[in-house]
């Protein structure tokens, strides 16, 4: 009987350690909701940045984080009326309203992005969703631009809030 109780306790301890190990490697997730409005992609999620200004979509990142960009609604685009806006890609830049690209090697590594273009390799992507990962290894601000395209027309709209990395993902 003693042996059976000891084995049960060992199994419970093993299960607890496995769950703790899973939680320690899990990534936090931030969700940024976007809507197409006229010729702009607008962030509708409340800003969480510590610095001002703190517009919608501005996000403070703590620890390693997955950032999920979601396109709400099914906004029509183009003159044909049958096409809808679809999320296309995310690119990083060094300033608000600036051209994406020319980012630091740290930012390129943190986001799995091209250092010259700023374009981020998505973890997953479909027409209404793009998921990227931020390893957040150093403290810095970076602007992200999310692009949406209109069918095959080549027309793009975008949104460009900033991310405040706290450097706590180490």
Protein backbone atom coordinates (compact mmCIF):
# COMPACT_ATOMS: atom_id res chain seq x y z
CA UNK A 1 0.00 0.00 0.00
CA UNK A 2 2.84 2.44 0.87
CA UNK A 3 4.42 1.84 -2.54
CA UNK A 4 1.15 2.65 -4.35
CA UNK A 5 0.75 6.00 -2.49
CA UNK A 6 4.38 6.92 -3.17
CA UNK A 7 3.95 6.21 -6.91
CA UNK A 8 0.76 8.32 -7.03
CA UNK A 9 2.60 11.20 -5.36
CA UNK A 10 5.45 10.84 -7.86
CA UNK A 11 2.99 10.94 -10.75
CA UNK A 12 1.31 14.05 -9.35
CA UNK A 13 4.68 15.77 -8.87
CA UNK A 14 5.74 14.82 -12.41
CA UNK A 15 2.49 16.20 -13.84
CA UNK A 16 2.92 19.45 -11.89
CA UNK A 17 6.50 19.88 -13.12
CA UNK A 18 5.42 19.20 -16.70
CA UNK A 19 2.71 21.87 -16.48
CA UNK A 20 5.16 24.34 -14.93
CA UNK A 21 7.66 23.65 -17.71
CA UNK A 22 4.97 24.18 -20.34
CA UNK A 23 3.94 27.50 -18.79
CA UNK A 24 7.50 28.76 -18.61
CA UNK A 25 8.03 28.44 -22.37
CA UNK A 26 4.56 29.65 -23.34
CA UNK A 27 4.32 33.06 -24.96
CA UNK A 28 2.00 35.82 -23.85
CA UNK A 29 -0.36 37.11 -26.52
CA UNK A 30 -1.45 40.62 -27.44
CA UNK A 31 -4.38 41.15 -29.80
CA UNK A 32 -4.59 44.24 -32.02
CA UNK A 33 -7.92 44.65 -33.81
CA UNK A 34 -7.97 46.61 -37.08
CA UNK A 35 -10.75 47.91 -39.33
CA UNK A 36 -10.65 49.23 -42.88
CA UNK A 37 -11.98 52.79 -42.93
CA UNK A 38 -11.80 54.71 -46.18
CA UNK A 39 -8.22 54.56 -47.40
CA UNK A 40 -6.72 53.72 -43.99
CA UNK A 41 -6.35 50.66 -41.80
CA UNK A 42 -7.36 51.82 -38.31
CA UNK A 43 -6.39 50.15 -35.03
CA UNK A 44 -9.43 49.93 -32.75
CA UNK A 45 -7.72 48.24 -29.78
CA UNK A 46 -7.08 50.47 -26.77
CA UNK A 47 -3.47 51.66 -26.53
CA UNK A 48 -1.39 50.19 -23.70
CA UNK A 49 1.83 52.19 -24.17
CA UNK A 50 3.39 53.82 -21.10
CA UNK A 51 4.68 56.83 -23.06
CA UNK A 52 2.49 59.53 -24.59
CA UNK A 53 0.97 59.73 -27.07
CA UNK A 54 -0.84 56.44 -26.51
CA UNK A 55 -3.10 56.06 -29.55
CA UNK A 56 -5.20 52.98 -30.30
CA UNK A 57 -2.97 50.06 -31.28
CA UNK A 58 0.08 51.39 -29.40
CA UNK A 59 1.24 48.39 -27.40
CA UNK A 60 3.64 47.88 -24.49
CA UNK A 61 5.25 44.46 -24.70
CA UNK A 62 6.45 42.53 -21.64
CA UNK A 63 8.26 39.22 -21.99
CA UNK A 64 8.24 37.10 -25.13
CA UNK A 65 4.95 37.85 -26.83
CA UNK A 66 2.87 36.74 -29.78
CA UNK A 67 1.12 39.68 -31.43
CA UNK A 68 -2.11 38.83 -33.22
CA UNK A 69 -3.41 41.34 -35.78
CA UNK A 70 -7.08 40.74 -36.60
CA UNK A 71 -9.09 42.47 -39.32
CA UNK A 72 -12.65 43.01 -38.10
CA UNK A 73 -15.63 43.13 -40.40
CA UNK A 74 -15.67 42.37 -44.08
CA UNK A 75 -15.08 45.80 -45.57
CA UNK A 76 -15.56 46.01 -49.31
CA UNK A 77 -12.84 47.55 -51.42
CA UNK A 78 -12.27 48.45 -55.04
CA UNK A 79 -14.78 49.61 -57.62
CA UNK A 80 -16.12 46.13 -58.44
CA UNK A 81 -17.79 45.71 -55.07
CA UNK A 82 -16.95 42.00 -54.79
CA UNK A 83 -13.51 42.29 -53.23
CA UNK A 84 -12.79 42.65 -49.53
CA UNK A 85 -9.77 44.00 -47.70
CA UNK A 86 -7.37 41.24 -46.62
CA UNK A 87 -4.38 41.49 -44.30
CA UNK A 88 -1.22 41.32 -46.38
CA UNK A 89 1.91 41.72 -44.21
CA UNK A 90 3.58 43.51 -41.30
CA UNK A 91 6.73 45.63 -41.61
CA UNK A 92 8.76 47.43 -38.95
CA UNK A 93 10.24 50.92 -39.10
CA UNK A 94 12.18 53.35 -36.96
CA UNK A 95 9.67 56.22 -36.93
CA UNK A 96 5.98 56.99 -37.12
CA UNK A 97 4.75 57.60 -40.68
CA UNK A 98 8.24 56.71 -41.94
CA UNK A 99 9.11 54.11 -44.50
CA UNK A 100 9.49 50.62 -43.07
CA UNK A 101 12.97 49.18 -42.95
CA UNK A 102 16.47 50.04 -41.87
CA UNK A 103 15.78 48.51 -38.46
CA UNK A 104 18.41 47.43 -35.94
CA UNK A 105 19.85 43.93 -35.95
CA UNK A 106 18.24 43.39 -32.52
CA UNK A 107 14.76 44.30 -33.82
CA UNK A 108 15.27 42.15 -36.92
CA UNK A 109 16.19 39.20 -34.71
CA UNK A 110 13.44 39.83 -32.12
CA UNK A 111 10.71 39.87 -34.79
CA UNK A 112 12.22 37.53 -37.43
CA UNK A 113 12.22 40.45 -39.86
CA UNK A 114 14.39 41.63 -42.74
CA UNK A 115 16.75 44.29 -41.41
CA UNK A 116 16.68 46.24 -44.69
CA UNK A 117 12.94 46.11 -45.50
CA UNK A 118 11.52 45.57 -42.01
CA UNK A 119 9.16 42.92 -43.36
CA UNK A 120 8.27 40.39 -40.65
CA UNK A 121 7.96 36.66 -41.30
CA UNK A 122 4.56 35.74 -39.89
CA UNK A 123 4.09 32.75 -37.58
CA UNK A 124 0.65 32.27 -39.16
CA UNK A 125 -1.46 34.24 -41.61
CA UNK A 126 -4.81 34.28 -43.39
CA UNK A 127 -7.03 36.98 -44.91
CA UNK A 128 -8.21 38.32 -41.53
CA UNK A 129 -5.31 37.42 -39.24
CA UNK A 130 -1.53 37.76 -38.99
CA UNK A 131 0.40 36.39 -36.00
CA UNK A 132 3.97 37.55 -35.35
CA UNK A 133 6.36 36.85 -32.47
CA UNK A 134 8.38 39.40 -30.48
CA UNK A 135 11.25 37.93 -28.46
CA UNK A 136 11.67 41.34 -26.72
CA UNK A 137 15.35 40.97 -25.79
CA UNK A 138 16.14 44.68 -25.36
CA UNK A 139 14.30 47.88 -24.43
CA UNK A 140 13.38 49.96 -27.52
CA UNK A 141 10.41 51.46 -29.39
CA UNK A 142 9.61 50.37 -32.92
CA UNK A 143 6.75 51.23 -35.26
CA UNK A 144 4.85 48.45 -36.96
CA UNK A 145 2.93 48.93 -40.17
CA UNK A 146 0.19 46.45 -40.96
CA UNK A 147 -0.83 46.36 -44.61
CA UNK A 148 -4.13 45.21 -46.10
CA UNK A 149 -4.62 44.60 -49.81
CA UNK A 150 -7.66 44.78 -52.06
CA UNK A 151 -7.89 41.55 -54.00
CA UNK A 152 -5.49 41.47 -56.95
CA UNK A 153 -5.73 45.22 -57.60
CA UNK A 154 -2.42 46.03 -55.88
CA UNK A 155 -4.16 48.69 -53.76
CA UNK A 156 -2.81 48.78 -50.18
CA UNK A 157 -3.90 50.55 -47.00
CA UNK A 158 -1.97 50.57 -43.73
CA UNK A 159 -1.84 51.43 -40.04
CA UNK A 160 1.33 52.37 -38.13
CA UNK A 161 1.19 52.44 -34.30
CA UNK A 162 4.27 51.69 -32.20
CA UNK A 163 5.44 48.90 -29.92
CA UNK A 164 7.27 49.61 -26.67
CA UNK A 165 9.58 46.67 -25.96
CA UNK A 166 10.54 46.44 -22.29
CA UNK A 167 13.46 44.07 -22.88
CA UNK A 168 11.99 41.50 -20.51
CA UNK A 169 11.92 38.56 -22.91
CA UNK A 170 15.39 37.29 -22.01
